[in-house]
Amino acid sequence: MSVKHFLTLQDFSSDELNHIIQRASELKKNPELAVMQPRKTLGLIFEKSSTRTRLAFEVAMNQLDGSAVFLANADSQLGRGEPIEDSARVLAGMVDCVAIRTFEHEKLVRFAEYSSVPVINALTDDFHPCQLLADVQTYVEHRSSIAGKTVAWIGDGNNMCHSYINAADKFDFQLNIASPEGFEPNAELVNTHKNRIQLSRDPKTAVLGADLVVTDVWASMGQEEEKNQRLASFAGFQVDAQLMALANSDALFMHCLPAHRGEEVSASVLDAQDSVVWDEAENRMHSQKALIEFLLTQ
């Protein structure tokens, strides 16, 4: 039987994803319902720094009666040049599941190819599927199903934007993307899901009639040297109260955090009543717990 990995949302069916989100909300209300994983170990390999992702995985595994072992890049032979294929085989012989946070998505794919235990994408430069589990869970908890709704993505066509494109396909919603020239999402991915997507250079056009407005930082990890250029390129793409006013009256605001108040989002929007970023952050733990449970009970 082949091992099931979670590298992008496309690895799971819509039914499986909806099951995980429903299960996450169930476990949030009643943690005792979890299928416990005694003596099971989750390996965490992080080449990028993290707060929410690492904490969510470690707390989730602890609440499942298992354990997590964290390896930063400098602590592992993978960070010293050991072939990915070798590291995958070694780790799979010692742990029951692996979550990897790295730069190149291709590195994650190669690791999974040689791993005999489930591999989870904890973030790559191309995709961040775990965040989308939390985002959809949060929307469902506040507004019910996201199917048939309109989501506006404002800003960089980055890994979060790419995962929202996959989510539009899997969860049956319309995605309006507004990005400045030169910062569009991957053209091949857009073309694959073109029936779900509207591209624009104008945030006002994208937000008009939206049920959910989402943004992210303008300079992600590894792009610090581009910050000044990006600040100039993204001028006019801040999500502020005036922009949110163009969305539907009950529209929610989300941000995967950390946020830069006064850059991609105004402080008033981030802290507003229709901002659900704190629930969104908490749900990282609940959704990842449900994901781990699903992968380890297949």
Protein backbone atom coordinates (compact mmCIF):
# COMPACT_ATOMS: atom_id res chain seq x y z
CA MET A 1 0.00 0.00 0.00
CA SER A 2 1.42 3.38 -0.98
CA VAL A 3 2.14 5.98 1.70
CA LYS A 4 -0.10 9.04 1.72
CA HIS A 5 1.72 12.38 1.83
CA PHE A 6 0.41 15.94 2.23
CA LEU A 7 2.61 18.08 -0.02
CA THR A 8 -0.16 20.21 -1.55
CA LEU A 9 -3.95 20.26 -1.21
CA GLN A 10 -4.08 18.36 -4.49
CA ASP A 11 -2.79 15.24 -2.71
CA PHE A 12 -6.15 14.82 -0.98
CA SER A 13 -9.67 14.61 -2.36
CA SER A 14 -12.23 17.28 -1.51
CA ASP A 15 -14.03 14.78 0.71
CA GLU A 16 -10.81 14.00 2.61
CA LEU A 17 -10.01 17.68 3.11
CA ASN A 18 -13.52 18.46 4.31
CA HIS A 19 -13.34 15.48 6.67
CA ILE A 20 -10.10 16.81 8.19
CA ILE A 21 -11.60 20.28 8.66
CA GLN A 22 -14.76 18.89 10.24
CA ARG A 23 -12.63 16.66 12.45
CA ALA A 24 -10.46 19.63 13.48
CA SER A 25 -13.52 21.50 14.72
CA GLU A 26 -14.70 18.39 16.57
CA LEU A 27 -11.35 17.98 18.30
CA LYS A 28 -11.29 21.68 19.11
CA LYS A 29 -14.58 21.31 21.00
CA ASN A 30 -13.77 17.93 22.50
CA PRO A 31 -10.06 16.93 22.50
CA GLU A 32 -10.92 13.59 24.16
CA LEU A 33 -12.35 12.38 20.84
CA ALA A 34 -8.88 12.15 19.31
CA VAL A 35 -7.52 8.78 18.28
CA MET A 36 -4.47 8.75 20.53
CA GLN A 37 -1.03 8.03 19.10
CA PRO A 38 1.00 6.65 22.04
CA ARG A 39 4.68 6.15 21.28
CA LYS A 40 4.22 7.68 17.82
CA THR A 41 6.85 10.28 16.87
CA LEU A 42 6.66 13.21 14.49
CA GLY A 43 9.96 14.40 13.05
CA LEU A 44 10.16 18.14 12.34
CA ILE A 45 12.83 19.30 9.88
CA PHE A 46 12.86 23.09 9.60
CA GLU A 47 15.18 25.02 7.31
CA LYS A 48 13.02 28.12 7.83
CA SER A 49 12.20 29.71 11.17
CA SER A 50 8.68 29.31 12.55
CA THR A 51 6.40 30.16 15.44
CA ARG A 52 2.87 28.97 14.64
CA THR A 53 3.79 25.97 12.49
CA ARG A 54 6.29 24.45 14.90
CA LEU A 55 4.22 25.16 18.01
CA ALA A 56 1.05 23.80 16.38
CA PHE A 57 2.74 20.53 15.41
CA GLU A 58 4.44 20.02 18.77
CA VAL A 59 1.33 20.79 20.83
CA ALA A 60 -0.85 18.67 18.55
CA MET A 61 1.46 15.68 18.86
CA ASN A 62 1.68 16.13 22.62
CA GLN A 63 -2.13 16.18 22.89
CA LEU A 64 -2.26 13.00 20.82
CA ASP A 65 -0.04 11.33 23.45
CA GLY A 66 2.84 11.16 20.99
CA SER A 67 6.04 13.17 20.75
CA ALA A 68 7.81 15.49 18.32
CA VAL A 69 11.53 15.74 17.61
CA PHE A 70 12.68 19.07 16.18
CA LEU A 71 15.71 19.37 13.89
CA ALA A 72 16.81 22.76 12.65
CA ASN A 73 18.87 22.81 9.47
CA ALA A 74 22.13 23.26 11.39
CA ASP A 75 21.32 20.28 13.62
CA SER A 76 20.89 17.69 10.87
CA GLN A 77 23.10 16.00 8.32
CA LEU A 78 20.59 17.11 5.70
CA GLY A 79 21.81 20.63 6.39
CA ARG A 80 25.39 19.50 5.89
CA GLY A 81 24.87 18.02 2.48
CA GLU A 82 23.63 14.47 3.08
CA PRO A 83 21.58 13.38 0.06
CA ILE A 84 17.87 13.95 0.59
CA GLU A 85 17.15 10.36 -0.42
CA ASP A 86 19.44 9.04 2.34
CA SER A 87 17.99 11.32 5.01
CA ALA A 88 14.47 10.27 4.04
CA ARG A 89 15.27 6.58 4.42
CA VAL A 90 17.00 7.10 7.78
CA LEU A 91 14.28 9.24 9.32
CA ALA A 92 11.53 6.94 8.10
CA GLY A 93 13.15 4.12 10.06
CA MET A 94 12.93 6.08 13.31
CA VAL A 95 9.79 8.25 13.21
CA ASP A 96 6.18 7.70 12.18
CA CYS A 97 5.63 10.95 10.27
CA VAL A 98 7.77 13.85 9.04
CA ALA A 99 6.89 17.53 8.63
CA ILE A 100 9.33 19.59 6.57
CA ARG A 101 9.62 23.38 6.31
CA THR A 102 12.05 24.28 3.57
CA PHE A 103 12.73 26.53 0.59
CA GLU A 104 12.60 24.48 -2.62
CA HIS A 105 9.39 22.51 -3.08
CA GLU A 106 11.30 20.01 -5.22
CA LYS A 107 13.38 19.06 -2.17
CA LEU A 108 10.20 18.15 -0.29
CA VAL A 109 8.94 16.09 -3.24
CA ARG A 110 12.22 14.15 -3.41
CA PHE A 111 12.17 13.48 0.33
CA ALA A 112 8.61 12.14 0.12
CA GLU A 113 9.52 9.91 -2.81
CA TYR A 114 11.99 8.02 -0.64
CA SER A 115 10.08 8.13 2.65
CA SER A 116 8.15 5.10 3.84
CA VAL A 117 6.20 7.25 6.34
CA PRO A 118 3.86 10.19 5.65
CA VAL A 119 5.50 13.52 4.82
CA ILE A 120 3.75 16.84 5.52
CA ASN A 121 4.53 20.14 3.82
CA ALA A 122 5.06 22.57 6.70
CA LEU A 123 5.81 25.31 4.11
CA THR A 124 7.88 25.61 0.97
CA ASP A 125 8.51 28.55 -1.34
CA ASP A 126 5.69 27.27 -3.57
CA PHE A 127 2.94 26.03 -1.22
CA HIS A 128 1.65 26.24 2.36
CA PRO A 129 -1.25 23.74 2.50
CA CYS A 130 -1.41 23.40 6.30
CA GLN A 131 -2.32 27.08 6.55
CA LEU A 132 -5.23 26.55 4.18
CA LEU A 133 -6.66 23.82 6.40
CA ALA A 134 -6.74 26.33 9.26
CA ASP A 135 -8.11 29.12 7.06
CA VAL A 136 -11.00 27.06 5.70
CA GLN A 137 -11.74 25.68 9.17
CA THR A 138 -11.90 29.25 10.49
CA TYR A 139 -14.22 30.39 7.71
CA VAL A 140 -16.53 27.41 8.25
CA GLU A 141 -16.69 28.05 12.00
CA HIS A 142 -17.66 31.71 11.48
CA ARG A 143 -19.73 31.61 8.28
CA SER A 144 -20.46 27.92 7.43
CA SER A 145 -19.37 26.37 4.11
CA ILE A 146 -16.97 28.31 1.88
CA ALA A 147 -18.33 26.56 -1.24
CA GLY A 148 -19.80 29.05 -3.69
CA LYS A 149 -18.24 32.04 -1.91
CA THR A 150 -15.81 34.63 -3.30
CA VAL A 151 -12.34 35.04 -1.81
CA ALA A 152 -10.09 38.01 -2.59
CA TRP A 153 -6.32 37.55 -2.40
CA ILE A 154 -4.48 40.89 -2.25
CA GLY A 155 -0.72 41.02 -2.73
CA ASP A 156 2.12 38.73 -3.69
CA GLY A 157 1.44 35.66 -5.84
CA ASN A 158 3.40 33.60 -3.34
CA ASN A 159 3.11 30.19 -1.66
CA MET A 160 -0.03 31.25 0.19
CA CYS A 161 -1.61 32.53 -3.02
CA HIS A 162 -0.74 29.24 -4.74
CA SER A 163 -2.39 27.27 -1.95
CA TYR A 164 -5.48 29.46 -2.21
CA ILE A 165 -5.61 28.61 -5.91
CA ASN A 166 -5.58 24.91 -5.05
CA ALA A 167 -8.15 25.54 -2.32
CA ALA A 168 -10.50 27.25 -4.79
CA ASP A 169 -10.50 24.01 -6.77
CA LYS A 170 -10.85 21.68 -3.79
CA PHE A 171 -13.40 23.70 -1.79
CA ASP A 172 -15.42 25.07 -4.73
CA PHE A 173 -15.05 28.85 -4.37
CA GLN A 174 -14.17 31.78 -6.67
CA LEU A 175 -10.76 33.39 -6.15
CA ASN A 176 -10.04 36.99 -7.17
CA ILE A 177 -6.31 37.76 -7.16
CA ALA A 178 -4.88 41.29 -7.25
CA SER A 179 -1.08 41.44 -7.60
CA PRO A 180 1.26 44.14 -8.90
CA GLU A 181 3.05 43.55 -12.19
CA GLY A 182 5.89 41.09 -11.80
CA PHE A 183 4.44 39.47 -8.68
CA GLU A 184 1.72 37.30 -10.23
CA PRO A 185 1.16 33.69 -9.13
CA ASN A 186 2.62 30.80 -11.12
CA ALA A 187 1.20 30.99 -14.66
CA GLU A 188 0.91 27.22 -15.11
CA LEU A 189 -1.02 26.84 -11.86
CA VAL A 190 -3.29 29.73 -12.82
CA ASN A 191 -3.95 28.20 -16.22
CA THR A 192 -4.79 24.83 -14.66
CA HIS A 193 -7.47 26.43 -12.50
CA LYS A 194 -8.44 29.36 -14.74
CA ASN A 195 -12.16 28.61 -14.33
CA ARG A 196 -11.80 29.44 -10.62
CA ILE A 197 -9.63 32.56 -10.86
CA GLN A 198 -9.91 36.22 -11.81
CA LEU A 199 -6.60 38.10 -12.09
CA SER A 200 -6.39 41.85 -11.62
CA ARG A 201 -3.95 44.68 -10.94
CA ASP A 202 -6.63 46.51 -8.93
CA PRO A 203 -7.32 45.48 -5.31
CA LYS A 204 -10.68 47.29 -5.45
CA THR A 205 -11.82 45.12 -8.35
CA ALA A 206 -10.72 41.94 -6.55
CA VAL A 207 -12.40 42.81 -3.25
CA LEU A 208 -15.74 43.94 -4.67
CA GLY A 209 -18.39 41.54 -3.38
CA ALA A 210 -15.89 39.26 -1.60
CA ASP A 211 -16.87 37.09 1.36
CA LEU A 212 -13.28 36.71 2.56
CA VAL A 213 -10.29 39.03 2.09
CA VAL A 214 -6.80 37.60 2.59
CA THR A 215 -3.31 39.04 2.38
CA ASP A 216 0.26 38.24 3.41
CA VAL A 217 3.53 40.05 4.01
CA TRP A 218 5.10 41.75 0.99
CA ALA A 219 8.57 40.31 1.66
CA SER A 220 8.67 36.70 2.86
CA MET A 221 11.54 34.78 4.42
CA GLY A 222 14.53 34.82 2.08
CA GLN A 223 13.37 38.04 0.39
CA GLU A 224 14.65 40.51 2.95
CA GLU A 225 17.08 42.10 0.49
CA GLU A 226 14.15 42.89 -1.81
CA LYS A 227 12.14 44.66 0.88
CA ASN A 228 12.61 48.26 -0.29
CA GLN A 229 11.84 47.33 -3.89
CA ARG A 230 8.79 45.39 -2.80
CA LEU A 231 7.50 48.24 -0.63
CA ALA A 232 7.51 50.43 -3.71
CA SER A 233 5.95 47.79 -5.96
CA PHE A 234 3.14 47.02 -3.51
CA ALA A 235 2.15 50.62 -2.80
CA GLY A 236 -1.62 50.76 -3.15
CA PHE A 237 -2.10 47.11 -2.19
CA GLN A 238 -2.63 47.62 1.53
CA VAL A 239 -5.82 46.12 2.94
CA ASP A 240 -7.35 49.03 4.87
CA ALA A 241 -10.83 49.94 6.05
CA GLN A 242 -11.69 51.62 2.74
CA LEU A 243 -10.81 48.47 0.80
CA MET A 244 -12.69 46.19 3.20
CA ALA A 245 -15.76 48.41 2.78
CA LEU A 246 -16.00 47.22 -0.84
CA ALA A 247 -16.36 43.59 0.26
CA ASN A 248 -19.64 42.10 1.40
CA SER A 249 -20.93 43.49 4.70
CA ASP A 250 -20.20 40.22 6.52
CA ALA A 251 -16.81 39.61 4.89
CA LEU A 252 -14.02 38.24 7.06
CA PHE A 253 -10.35 39.22 7.01
CA MET A 254 -7.50 36.69 7.32
CA HIS A 255 -3.72 36.82 7.44
CA CYS A 256 -1.43 33.86 8.13
CA LEU A 257 0.80 36.03 10.38
CA PRO A 258 3.18 37.49 11.31
CA ALA A 259 1.66 40.73 10.00
CA HIS A 260 3.31 44.08 9.40
CA ARG A 261 0.79 46.67 10.53
CA GLY A 262 0.89 49.66 8.23
CA GLU A 263 2.29 47.69 5.27
CA GLU A 264 0.13 44.93 3.77
CA VAL A 265 -2.66 45.56 6.31
CA SER A 266 -3.67 48.53 8.42
CA ALA A 267 -3.78 48.14 12.19
CA SER A 268 -7.49 48.99 12.19
CA VAL A 269 -8.31 46.08 9.85
CA LEU A 270 -6.07 43.57 11.62
CA ASP A 271 -7.68 44.36 14.97
CA ALA A 272 -11.25 44.83 13.67
CA GLN A 273 -14.26 42.74 14.65
CA ASP A 274 -14.38 41.03 11.24
CA SER A 275 -10.72 40.03 11.50
CA VAL A 276 -10.43 36.38 12.54
CA VAL A 277 -6.62 36.12 12.48
CA TRP A 278 -6.37 34.96 16.10
CA ASP A 279 -8.86 32.12 15.59
CA GLU A 280 -7.05 31.36 12.35
CA ALA A 281 -3.74 31.08 14.21
CA GLU A 282 -5.20 28.85 16.94
CA ASN A 283 -6.78 26.61 14.34
CA ARG A 284 -3.34 25.74 12.99
CA MET A 285 -2.99 23.41 15.96
CA HIS A 286 -6.45 21.87 15.67
CA SER A 287 -6.27 21.32 11.92
CA GLN A 288 -2.75 19.90 12.08
CA LYS A 289 -3.83 17.57 14.87
CA ALA A 290 -6.66 16.32 12.67
CA LEU A 291 -4.24 15.96 9.76
CA ILE A 292 -1.77 13.93 11.84
CA GLU A 293 -4.58 11.72 13.14
CA PHE A 294 -5.79 11.15 9.58
CA LEU A 295 -2.34 10.26 8.24
CA LEU A 296 -1.41 7.96 11.12
CA THR A 297 -4.69 6.01 11.07
CA GLN A 298 -4.77 5.22 7.35
